[in-house]
C-alpha atoms as a PDB file:
ATOM      1  CA  GLN A   1      22.560 -19.083 -25.324  1.00  0.00           C
ATOM      2  CA  VAL A   2      20.574 -16.751 -22.768  1.00  0.00           C
ATOM      3  CA  GLN A   3      21.311 -16.317 -19.370  1.00  0.00           C
ATOM      4  CA  MET A   4      17.967 -14.584 -17.327  1.00  0.00           C
ATOM      5  CA  VAL A   5      18.289 -12.927 -13.659  1.00  0.00           C
ATOM      6  CA  GLU A   6      15.236 -12.770 -11.972  1.00  0.00           C
ATOM      7  CA  SER A   7      14.392 -10.558  -8.677  1.00  0.00           C
ATOM      8  CA  GLY A   8      11.273  -9.105  -7.166  1.00  0.00           C
ATOM      9  CA  GLY A   9      10.028 -12.187  -5.465  1.00  0.00           C
ATOM     10  CA  GLY A  10       9.319 -12.270  -1.540  1.00  0.00           C
ATOM     11  CA  VAL A  11       6.460 -12.662   1.017  1.00  0.00           C
ATOM     12  CA  VAL A  12       3.957 -10.689   0.560  1.00  0.00           C
ATOM     13  CA  GLN A  13       0.571 -10.173   2.530  1.00  0.00           C
ATOM     14  CA  ALA A  14      -2.806 -11.471   0.427  1.00  0.00           C
ATOM     15  CA  GLY A  15      -3.710  -7.653  -1.159  1.00  0.00           C
ATOM     16  CA  GLY A  16      -0.511  -6.972  -1.776  1.00  0.00           C
ATOM     17  CA  SER A  17       1.884  -5.944  -4.482  1.00  0.00           C
ATOM     18  CA  LEU A  18       5.100  -7.127  -5.879  1.00  0.00           C
ATOM     19  CA  ARG A  19       7.069  -6.487  -8.755  1.00  0.00           C
ATOM     20  CA  LEU A  20       9.395  -9.400 -10.764  1.00  0.00           C
ATOM     21  CA  SER A  21      11.495  -8.527 -12.815  1.00  0.00           C
ATOM     22  CA  CYS A  22      14.073 -10.123 -15.397  1.00  0.00           C
ATOM     23  CA  VAL A  23      16.922  -9.159 -17.240  1.00  0.00           C
ATOM     24  CA  ALA A  24      18.672 -11.372 -19.957  1.00  0.00           C
ATOM     25  CA  SER A  25      21.635 -11.407 -21.744  1.00  0.00           C
ATOM     26  CA  GLY A  26      23.525 -13.755 -24.141  1.00  0.00           C
ATOM     27  CA  ARG A  27      22.230 -13.004 -27.711  1.00  0.00           C
ATOM     28  CA  THR A  28      19.828  -9.939 -29.481  1.00  0.00           C
ATOM     29  CA  LEU A  29      16.843 -10.412 -27.717  1.00  0.00           C
ATOM     30  CA  VAL A  30      14.394  -7.638 -29.147  1.00  0.00           C
ATOM     31  CA  ASN A  31      13.206  -9.912 -31.618  1.00  0.00           C
ATOM     32  CA  VAL A  32      12.348 -13.053 -28.906  1.00  0.00           C
ATOM     33  CA  ASP A  33       9.692 -13.682 -26.771  1.00  0.00           C
ATOM     34  CA  MET A  34       9.573 -13.084 -22.822  1.00  0.00           C
ATOM     35  CA  GLY A  35       7.025 -13.804 -20.028  1.00  0.00           C
ATOM     36  CA  TRP A  36       6.573 -15.654 -17.058  1.00  0.00           C
ATOM     37  CA  TYR A  37       5.205 -19.252 -15.564  1.00  0.00           C
ATOM     38  CA  ARG A  38       5.003 -20.371 -12.652  1.00  0.00           C
ATOM     39  CA  GLN A  39       4.937 -23.037 -10.231  1.00  0.00           C
ATOM     40  CA  ALA A  40       3.078 -24.012  -7.403  1.00  0.00           C
ATOM     41  CA  PRO A  41       4.277 -27.030  -4.642  1.00  0.00           C
ATOM     42  CA  GLY A  42       3.507 -30.395  -6.343  1.00  0.00           C
ATOM     43  CA  GLU A  43       1.598 -28.711  -9.326  1.00  0.00           C
ATOM     44  CA  GLU A  44       2.999 -28.148 -13.107  1.00  0.00           C
ATOM     45  CA  ARG A  45       4.372 -25.479 -14.363  1.00  0.00           C
ATOM     46  CA  GLU A  46       1.778 -22.712 -15.654  1.00  0.00           C
ATOM     47  CA  PHE A  47       1.675 -20.308 -17.686  1.00  0.00           C
ATOM     48  CA  VAL A  48       1.090 -17.002 -16.413  1.00  0.00           C
ATOM     49  CA  ALA A  49       1.713 -13.932 -19.044  1.00  0.00           C
ATOM     50  CA  MET A  50       3.938 -13.288 -22.365  1.00  0.00           C
ATOM     51  CA  THR A  51       5.170 -10.994 -24.569  1.00  0.00           C
ATOM     52  CA  ARG A  52       5.371 -11.706 -27.844  1.00  0.00           C
ATOM     53  CA  TRP A  53       7.566 -10.037 -30.717  1.00  0.00           C
ATOM     54  CA  THR A  54       6.113  -8.602 -33.994  1.00  0.00           C
ATOM     55  CA  TRP A  55       6.955  -6.484 -36.666  1.00  0.00           C
ATOM     56  CA  ARG A  56       4.367  -3.989 -35.252  1.00  0.00           C
ATOM     57  CA  GLY A  57       6.008  -4.244 -32.103  1.00  0.00           C
ATOM     58  CA  TYR A  58       5.214  -6.193 -29.129  1.00  0.00           C
ATOM     59  CA  THR A  59       1.759  -7.316 -27.610  1.00  0.00           C
ATOM     60  CA  SER A  60       1.070  -9.395 -24.384  1.00  0.00           C
ATOM     61  CA  ASP A  61      -0.763 -12.580 -22.999  1.00  0.00           C
ATOM     62  CA  TYR A  62      -2.357 -13.742 -20.132  1.00  0.00           C
ATOM     63  CA  ASP A  63      -3.675 -16.546 -18.780  1.00  0.00           C
ATOM     64  CA  ASP A  64      -7.313 -15.888 -17.073  1.00  0.00           C
ATOM     65  CA  PHE A  65      -6.149 -15.407 -13.405  1.00  0.00           C
ATOM     66  CA  ALA A  66      -3.841 -13.067 -14.774  1.00  0.00           C
ATOM     67  CA  LYS A  67      -5.817 -10.502 -16.584  1.00  0.00           C
ATOM     68  CA  ASP A  68      -6.887  -8.268 -14.110  1.00  0.00           C
ATOM     69  CA  ARG A  69      -4.342  -8.399 -11.590  1.00  0.00           C
ATOM     70  CA  PHE A  70      -1.181  -8.716 -12.904  1.00  0.00           C
ATOM     71  CA  THR A  71       0.557  -6.722 -15.870  1.00  0.00           C
ATOM     72  CA  ILE A  72       3.765  -7.955 -18.132  1.00  0.00           C
ATOM     73  CA  SER A  73       5.983  -4.716 -20.024  1.00  0.00           C
ATOM     74  CA  ARG A  74       9.084  -4.902 -21.734  1.00  0.00           C
ATOM     75  CA  ASP A  75      11.634  -2.480 -21.988  1.00  0.00           C
ATOM     76  CA  ASN A  76      12.496  -1.037 -25.558  1.00  0.00           C
ATOM     77  CA  ALA A  77      16.069  -2.732 -25.697  1.00  0.00           C
ATOM     78  CA  GLY A  78      13.960  -5.806 -25.591  1.00  0.00           C
ATOM     79  CA  ASN A  79      16.052  -7.634 -23.237  1.00  0.00           C
ATOM     80  CA  ALA A  80      14.254  -7.443 -19.893  1.00  0.00           C
ATOM     81  CA  THR A  81      10.372  -7.871 -18.680  1.00  0.00           C
ATOM     82  CA  TYR A  82       8.395  -7.128 -15.901  1.00  0.00           C
ATOM     83  CA  LEU A  83       5.459  -8.677 -14.143  1.00  0.00           C
ATOM     84  CA  GLU A  84       3.542  -6.380 -11.605  1.00  0.00           C
ATOM     85  CA  MET A  85       1.437  -8.299  -9.761  1.00  0.00           C
ATOM     86  CA  ASN A  86      -1.672  -6.722  -7.538  1.00  0.00           C
ATOM     87  CA  SER A  87      -4.469  -8.140  -5.593  1.00  0.00           C
ATOM     88  CA  LEU A  88      -2.562 -10.918  -4.252  1.00  0.00           C
ATOM     89  CA  LYS A  89      -3.741 -14.081  -3.025  1.00  0.00           C
ATOM     90  CA  PRO A  90      -2.669 -16.782  -1.310  1.00  0.00           C
ATOM     91  CA  GLU A  91      -2.991 -18.964  -4.151  1.00  0.00           C
ATOM     92  CA  ASP A  92      -0.612 -17.230  -6.202  1.00  0.00           C
ATOM     93  CA  THR A  93       2.388 -18.245  -4.081  1.00  0.00           C
ATOM     94  CA  ALA A  94       4.881 -20.491  -6.491  1.00  0.00           C
ATOM     95  CA  ILE A  95       7.890 -19.900  -7.940  1.00  0.00           C
ATOM     96  CA  TYR A  96       7.721 -17.219 -10.886  1.00  0.00           C
ATOM     97  CA  TYR A  97      10.093 -18.335 -13.673  1.00  0.00           C
ATOM     98  CA  CYS A  98      11.122 -16.266 -16.774  1.00  0.00           C
ATOM     99  CA  SER A  99      11.006 -17.201 -20.219  1.00  0.00           C
ATOM    100  CA  VAL A 100      12.583 -16.623 -22.988  1.00  0.00           C
ATOM    101  CA  HIS A 101      11.352 -18.121 -26.438  1.00  0.00           C
ATOM    102  CA  VAL A 102      13.826 -17.702 -29.309  1.00  0.00           C
ATOM    103  CA  PRO A 103      11.546 -18.565 -32.702  1.00  0.00           C
ATOM    104  CA  GLY A 104      12.659 -19.708 -35.761  1.00  0.00           C
ATOM    105  CA  PRO A 105      13.044 -23.602 -37.226  1.00  0.00           C
ATOM    106  CA  VAL A 106      13.900 -24.820 -34.500  1.00  0.00           C
ATOM    107  CA  PRO A 107      12.818 -22.553 -31.312  1.00  0.00           C
ATOM    108  CA  VAL A 108      14.890 -22.560 -28.366  1.00  0.00           C
ATOM    109  CA  ASN A 109      13.413 -22.044 -24.594  1.00  0.00           C
ATOM    110  CA  TYR A 110      15.542 -20.598 -22.108  1.00  0.00           C
ATOM    111  CA  TRP A 111      14.428 -20.602 -18.161  1.00  0.00           C
ATOM    112  CA  GLY A 112      15.724 -18.329 -15.291  1.00  0.00           C
ATOM    113  CA  GLN A 113      16.348 -20.124 -12.385  1.00  0.00           C
ATOM    114  CA  GLY A 114      13.011 -18.653 -10.737  1.00  0.00           C
ATOM    115  CA  THR A 115      11.926 -16.559  -7.742  1.00  0.00           C
ATOM    116  CA  GLN A 116       9.772 -17.134  -5.098  1.00  0.00           C
ATOM    117  CA  VAL A 117       6.739 -14.954  -4.285  1.00  0.00           C
ATOM    118  CA  THR A 118       4.533 -16.199  -0.739  1.00  0.00           C
ATOM    119  CA  VAL A 119       1.196 -14.289   0.056  1.00  0.00           C
ATOM    120  CA  SER A 120       0.604 -15.190   3.137  1.00  0.00           C
ATOM    121  CA  SER A 121      -3.823 -15.047   4.548  1.00  0.00           C
END
């Protein structure tokens, strides 16, 4: 079992920045994928960014809307991920969820409780 604690959400004006944090515990996390999804009111949950474990180290993936404004990072121990969000827009308003994906014969996904990000115009 994996537990995650997210923090860093809040209210910010358009053009501002926020940094989300997710700290996970409960098992070895160095060789798992960790990242972020978001869900706006009335919308489906969508992918934001992910750090993926490889034998050569972590790689990062972003959805198109996040590529130029968001930066995802991972700590060396592998148990925390951070999402630096810049130039925020009102359409970035959503609940942001930390996600842990454990690969294997039976992949398992874990979700954090979410942190609210509100961008005012």
